Protein backbone atom coordinates (compact mmCIF):
# COMPACT_ATOMS: atom_id res chain seq x y z
CA MET A 1 108.80 -6.69 -43.24
CA GLY A 2 111.09 -6.39 -40.22
CA LEU A 3 109.72 -6.09 -36.74
CA THR A 4 105.86 -6.50 -35.91
CA ALA A 5 104.61 -6.26 -32.68
CA ARG A 6 101.10 -5.51 -30.84
CA ILE A 7 100.99 -3.77 -27.69
CA ARG A 8 98.07 -4.03 -25.50
CA THR A 9 96.88 -3.50 -21.93
CA ARG A 10 95.75 -6.34 -19.54
CA ASP A 11 92.26 -5.69 -20.68
CA GLY A 12 93.35 -5.91 -24.40
CA TRP A 13 93.25 -2.19 -25.12
CA ALA A 14 95.81 -0.81 -27.54
CA VAL A 15 98.66 1.36 -26.09
CA SER A 16 99.06 3.82 -28.59
CA HIS A 17 101.97 5.57 -27.22
CA ALA A 18 104.13 2.66 -26.77
CA VAL A 19 107.66 2.51 -27.94
CA VAL A 20 109.76 -0.48 -29.17
CA THR A 21 113.46 -0.59 -29.05
CA VAL A 22 115.64 -3.48 -30.25
CA THR A 23 119.25 -3.77 -29.23
CA ASP A 24 121.69 -6.34 -30.56
CA MET A 25 123.90 -8.53 -28.05
CA THR A 26 126.40 -5.68 -27.61
CA GLY A 27 123.65 -3.34 -26.23
CA THR A 28 123.54 -1.14 -29.57
CA GLN A 29 120.50 0.08 -30.36
CA VAL A 30 119.52 -1.05 -34.10
CA LEU A 31 115.82 -0.14 -34.24
CA ARG A 32 113.34 2.22 -32.67
CA ALA A 33 109.62 2.31 -33.54
CA GLU A 34 106.50 3.87 -32.12
CA ALA A 35 103.18 2.27 -32.18
CA ASP A 36 100.35 3.31 -34.20
CA GLY A 37 96.72 4.21 -33.08
CA GLU A 38 95.87 0.60 -32.96
CA GLY A 39 98.87 -0.25 -30.71
CA THR A 40 100.72 -1.77 -33.50
CA VAL A 41 104.39 -1.71 -34.67
CA ARG A 42 105.30 -2.54 -38.22
CA ASP A 43 108.94 -1.67 -39.22
CA PRO A 44 109.72 -2.51 -42.90
CA ASN A 45 113.38 -2.80 -42.67
CA PRO A 46 114.66 -6.32 -42.25
CA LEU A 47 117.26 -7.15 -39.46
CA ALA A 48 120.45 -8.92 -39.61
CA PRO A 49 119.88 -12.55 -38.44
CA GLY A 50 120.88 -12.96 -34.86
CA ALA A 51 119.81 -12.61 -31.19
CA TYR A 52 118.19 -9.26 -30.07
CA THR A 53 116.64 -7.92 -27.03
CA VAL A 54 113.17 -6.01 -27.48
CA ILE A 55 112.34 -3.49 -24.98
CA ILE A 56 108.91 -1.98 -24.85
CA THR A 57 108.05 1.16 -23.11
CA ALA A 58 105.09 3.52 -22.41
CA VAL A 59 104.28 6.26 -20.21
CA GLY A 60 102.20 5.00 -17.05
CA TYR A 61 103.57 1.43 -17.86
CA ALA A 62 105.98 -1.04 -16.50
CA PRO A 63 108.81 -1.47 -19.04
CA THR A 64 109.05 -5.06 -20.73
CA ALA A 65 112.00 -6.80 -22.34
CA SER A 66 112.29 -9.97 -24.07
CA SER A 67 114.65 -11.99 -26.46
CA ALA A 68 113.97 -12.29 -30.17
CA ILE A 69 115.91 -14.72 -32.78
CA VAL A 70 116.07 -13.08 -36.19
CA THR A 71 116.28 -15.81 -38.90
CA ALA A 72 117.55 -15.32 -42.41
CA SER A 73 114.38 -13.95 -43.49
CA GLY A 74 115.25 -10.80 -41.48
CA ARG A 75 111.87 -10.73 -39.66
CA ALA A 76 111.26 -10.59 -36.02
CA GLU A 77 107.42 -11.38 -35.15
CA VAL A 78 107.26 -10.37 -31.49
CA GLY A 79 103.71 -11.07 -31.35
CA THR A 80 101.22 -9.47 -28.70
CA VAL A 81 103.09 -7.77 -25.62
CA THR A 82 100.90 -7.14 -22.61
CA LEU A 83 102.04 -3.94 -20.51
CA ALA A 84 101.26 -3.78 -16.82
CA ARG A 85 100.24 -0.39 -15.26
CA GLN A 86 103.12 1.21 -13.36
CA GLY A 87 102.48 0.98 -9.70
CA GLY A 88 100.83 -2.31 -10.17
CA THR A 89 97.07 -0.87 -9.85
CA GLU A 90 94.37 -0.44 -12.60
CA LEU A 91 92.78 2.53 -10.80
CA PRO A 92 93.77 5.05 -8.18
CA PRO A 93 92.77 4.06 -4.66
CA PRO A 94 89.37 5.56 -3.70
CA GLY A 95 89.13 8.93 -1.66
CA PRO A 96 90.13 12.25 -1.84
CA TRP A 97 92.92 13.35 -4.24
CA THR A 98 94.34 16.98 -4.50
CA VAL A 99 96.01 18.36 -7.68
CA ASP A 100 99.64 19.44 -7.13
CA PRO A 101 99.87 22.72 -9.14
CA ALA A 102 103.71 22.55 -8.97
CA HIS A 103 103.59 19.48 -11.13
CA SER A 104 100.54 20.04 -13.20
CA THR A 105 99.90 22.16 -16.31
CA VAL A 106 96.55 23.90 -17.26
CA GLY A 107 97.28 25.02 -20.80
CA ALA A 108 95.55 26.16 -23.99
CA VAL A 109 96.54 26.47 -27.81
CA ALA A 110 94.99 29.02 -30.14
CA GLN A 111 95.88 29.30 -33.94
CA HIS A 112 97.38 32.52 -34.91
CA LEU A 113 97.12 34.04 -38.41
CA GLY A 114 95.83 30.67 -39.73
CA ILE A 115 99.52 29.40 -39.80
CA SER A 116 100.72 28.74 -36.49
CA SER A 117 100.07 28.32 -32.80
CA VAL A 118 100.15 30.18 -29.79
CA ARG A 119 100.50 28.45 -26.45
CA GLY A 120 99.33 29.74 -23.07
CA ARG A 121 98.75 28.43 -19.39
CA PHE A 122 97.21 29.51 -16.30
CA THR A 123 99.71 29.57 -13.38
CA ASP A 124 97.21 29.88 -10.53
CA PHE A 125 94.75 27.04 -9.94
CA SER A 126 93.44 24.46 -7.42
CA ALA A 127 91.51 21.16 -8.03
CA GLY A 128 90.27 18.27 -5.96
CA ILE A 129 89.25 14.91 -7.19
CA GLU A 130 87.24 12.20 -5.48
CA ILE A 131 87.43 8.58 -6.61
CA ALA A 132 84.42 6.71 -5.81
CA PRO A 133 84.74 3.62 -3.87
CA ASP A 134 82.60 1.22 -5.29
CA ASP A 135 81.51 2.58 -8.80
CA VAL A 136 84.42 4.72 -10.38
CA THR A 137 81.97 6.14 -12.61
CA LYS A 138 80.77 8.10 -9.88
CA SER A 139 83.80 9.98 -9.18
CA ARG A 140 83.89 13.72 -9.02
CA VAL A 141 86.38 16.55 -10.11
CA GLN A 142 85.99 20.29 -9.22
CA ALA A 143 88.59 22.86 -10.26
CA VAL A 144 89.00 26.61 -9.88
CA ILE A 145 91.59 28.65 -12.12
CA ARG A 146 92.28 32.40 -11.45
CA ALA A 147 91.74 33.94 -14.80
CA ALA A 148 94.28 36.60 -14.37
CA SER A 149 97.07 34.05 -14.29
CA ILE A 150 97.07 33.69 -18.02
CA ASP A 151 100.48 33.54 -19.30
CA THR A 152 101.28 33.35 -23.04
CA GLY A 153 105.10 34.68 -22.54
CA ASN A 154 104.22 37.94 -24.13
CA GLY A 155 103.11 40.77 -21.55
CA MET A 156 101.15 42.96 -23.92
CA ARG A 157 99.28 39.81 -25.21
CA ASP A 158 98.50 38.76 -21.74
CA THR A 159 97.09 42.24 -20.78
CA HIS A 160 94.91 41.93 -23.70
CA LEU A 161 93.68 38.53 -22.80
CA ARG A 162 92.94 39.90 -19.31
CA SER A 163 90.85 42.52 -20.79
CA ALA A 164 87.12 42.66 -21.46
CA ASP A 165 87.89 41.55 -25.20
CA PHE A 166 88.56 38.23 -23.76
CA LEU A 167 88.71 36.93 -20.16
CA ASP A 168 87.41 40.08 -18.60
CA VAL A 169 89.12 39.39 -15.34
CA GLU A 170 87.82 42.16 -13.37
CA ARG A 171 84.26 40.99 -13.72
CA HIS A 172 85.07 37.05 -14.04
CA PRO A 173 88.00 36.68 -11.82
CA GLU A 174 87.53 32.75 -11.74
CA ILE A 175 87.10 29.90 -14.31
CA THR A 176 85.45 26.82 -12.77
CA TYR A 177 84.85 23.36 -13.99
CA THR A 178 82.63 20.76 -12.13
CA SER A 179 82.17 17.24 -13.33
CA THR A 180 78.69 15.83 -13.65
CA ALA A 181 79.38 12.39 -14.96
CA LEU A 182 82.08 10.02 -15.80
CA THR A 183 82.04 7.34 -18.79
CA ALA A 184 84.71 4.61 -19.65
CA ALA A 185 86.30 4.95 -23.06
CA GLY A 186 88.72 2.22 -22.40
CA SER A 187 90.83 0.63 -19.56
CA ASP A 188 92.70 3.73 -19.06
CA ARG A 189 90.69 6.39 -20.88
CA TRP A 190 87.44 8.11 -19.78
CA THR A 191 85.38 10.92 -20.77
CA VAL A 192 84.66 13.46 -17.95
CA HIS A 193 81.40 15.16 -18.46
CA GLY A 194 81.12 18.43 -16.72
CA GLU A 195 80.22 22.23 -16.82
CA LEU A 196 82.64 24.94 -17.39
CA SER A 197 82.17 28.63 -16.19
CA LEU A 198 83.98 30.85 -18.30
CA HIS A 199 83.50 34.51 -18.96
CA GLY A 200 80.13 34.55 -16.98
CA VAL A 201 78.94 31.79 -19.32
CA VAL A 202 78.31 28.07 -18.28
CA ARG A 203 78.57 25.44 -20.90
CA PRO A 204 78.78 21.67 -20.74
CA VAL A 205 82.43 20.43 -21.82
CA ASP A 206 83.70 16.92 -21.95
CA LEU A 207 87.22 16.17 -21.26
CA ALA A 208 89.02 13.04 -22.89
CA LEU A 209 91.02 11.69 -19.83
CA VAL A 210 93.88 9.34 -19.98
CA TYR A 211 94.93 7.72 -16.71
CA LEU A 212 98.85 7.28 -16.76
CA GLY A 213 99.33 5.52 -13.49
CA THR A 214 99.97 5.84 -9.80
CA GLY A 215 102.95 5.46 -7.75
CA ALA A 216 104.75 6.41 -4.69
CA ASP A 217 106.59 9.93 -4.33
CA PRO A 218 109.76 10.79 -2.48
CA TRP A 219 107.83 12.42 0.22
CA GLY A 220 105.89 9.65 1.47
CA GLY A 221 102.86 10.08 -0.49
CA THR A 222 100.93 8.55 -3.23
CA ARG A 223 100.54 10.14 -6.61
CA ALA A 224 98.30 9.64 -9.63
CA ALA A 225 98.90 11.21 -13.02
CA PHE A 226 96.40 12.11 -15.76
CA ARG A 227 96.17 13.80 -19.14
CA ALA A 228 93.16 15.47 -20.50
CA THR A 229 92.17 17.45 -23.65
CA ALA A 230 89.04 19.36 -24.75
CA GLU A 231 88.10 21.95 -27.51
CA LEU A 232 86.43 25.02 -26.76
CA HIS A 233 84.71 27.54 -29.30
CA ARG A 234 85.06 30.96 -27.95
CA GLU A 235 81.75 32.19 -29.21
CA ASP A 236 80.25 29.75 -26.89
CA PHE A 237 81.44 31.74 -24.00
CA ALA A 238 80.66 35.31 -25.37
CA MET A 239 84.35 35.96 -26.40
CA ASN A 240 83.53 37.32 -29.95
CA TYR A 241 86.62 39.71 -30.17
CA ASN A 242 88.58 39.33 -33.40
CA GLN A 243 90.90 41.21 -35.73
CA VAL A 244 90.74 40.29 -39.50
CA VAL A 245 94.06 40.84 -41.44
CA GLN A 246 94.65 40.55 -45.10
CA ALA A 247 92.81 38.23 -47.29
CA GLY A 248 90.22 37.76 -44.55
CA ILE A 249 92.27 35.66 -42.07
CA ALA A 250 91.59 36.04 -38.59
CA ALA A 251 94.23 37.12 -36.47
CA ILE A 252 93.27 34.92 -33.60
CA GLY A 253 91.44 31.43 -34.06
CA THR A 254 88.14 30.85 -32.86
CA THR A 255 88.77 27.36 -31.45
CA LEU A 256 90.93 26.66 -28.43
CA LYS A 257 92.38 23.08 -27.69
CA VAL A 258 92.81 22.71 -23.77
CA GLU A 259 95.46 20.44 -22.78
CA LEU A 260 96.05 19.30 -19.06
CA GLU A 261 98.69 17.49 -17.59
CA ILE A 262 97.71 16.61 -13.96
CA GLN A 263 99.49 15.20 -10.92
CA ALA A 264 97.26 14.39 -7.71
CA VAL A 265 98.37 13.55 -4.09
CA GLN A 266 96.27 11.21 -2.44
CA GLY A 267 94.54 13.01 0.45
CA GLU A 268 92.54 16.19 1.11
CA SER A 269 95.56 18.55 1.09
CA LEU A 270 99.06 18.85 -0.39
CA PRO A 271 102.16 17.82 1.85
CA GLN A 272 103.98 20.44 3.54
CA ALA A 273 107.24 21.27 1.92
C-alpha cells in the first residue's frame, strides 16, 4: 500500500469528495487520488523514498498541505486530516437569503430509450431562504419555477414538454416548492422536507442537501452555496404520457433525477448590477 489518509470535518464526518495530491520536492505531481464514500484514500502504488508535500482539497473547504517522508517501504501514512469549512463558519449566518438565478441551476435528468440520459433545466426561477437564528432545523425555503422556461437544448422536445402531455404550462404555469421541516444528516448535510406543486398535483418531496460553504463575493456581499438532489416519479404528478418503442422499451423514463446547484446572497434582495 502506498498512500493512505482519512479526510474528516471538524465534527468527524467523512469528506467523500476530497482530493489528495502528492508532489515531490520539485513541485512535480506524483499522485492524485479521490476519497471514497467514507472519506478514505487508499492508493496501492508505492512511492519512491523521499520527502513529499501532501495537498488535500474539497469543494467548500479550505485546502490543507503537509509534509510527508516516505521510507524504503514506499508507504505514506497521512493519518486523519481535518478540513475547515471555507469562510470559517459552520453554518450560514441567520436571516433572509435570496437565491441568485444567474449563479444557480435547477436541472433534471431523464432516461431516454433505456440507454442514455437527457438533461434539462429551468431558466426562470426565484427562491428565498430563511436561516433560523436559534434552531437551524426551523429554517425555511420557498421556490417558484416558471414551467415554460424548460430548456433541454432541443426546441421540438421543449415544445412537447410544455404541452398537456407533460408540464401543461398553459394550465399550470408555475412549479412551487415549500419546505415543511429540516433534519440533520451530517455536519454539512441536511434533509429538506417539503411539498412540491407540479402539474396541478401537490406531493411531499425530500431534498438531500449539502452545504458547501459561505464566503464574501466581489460586490461586497456574502454568499452561501448548496447542492441538492431529489428523485421524482412522473406518475406521482399525473404525467403519464409515454411512447413505447421496440421490445417494450419506453422512450422516456418514468423517473426524474432533480439536481440543484444553488448560490444565495445574504439579504432579502439581490444586489443591483
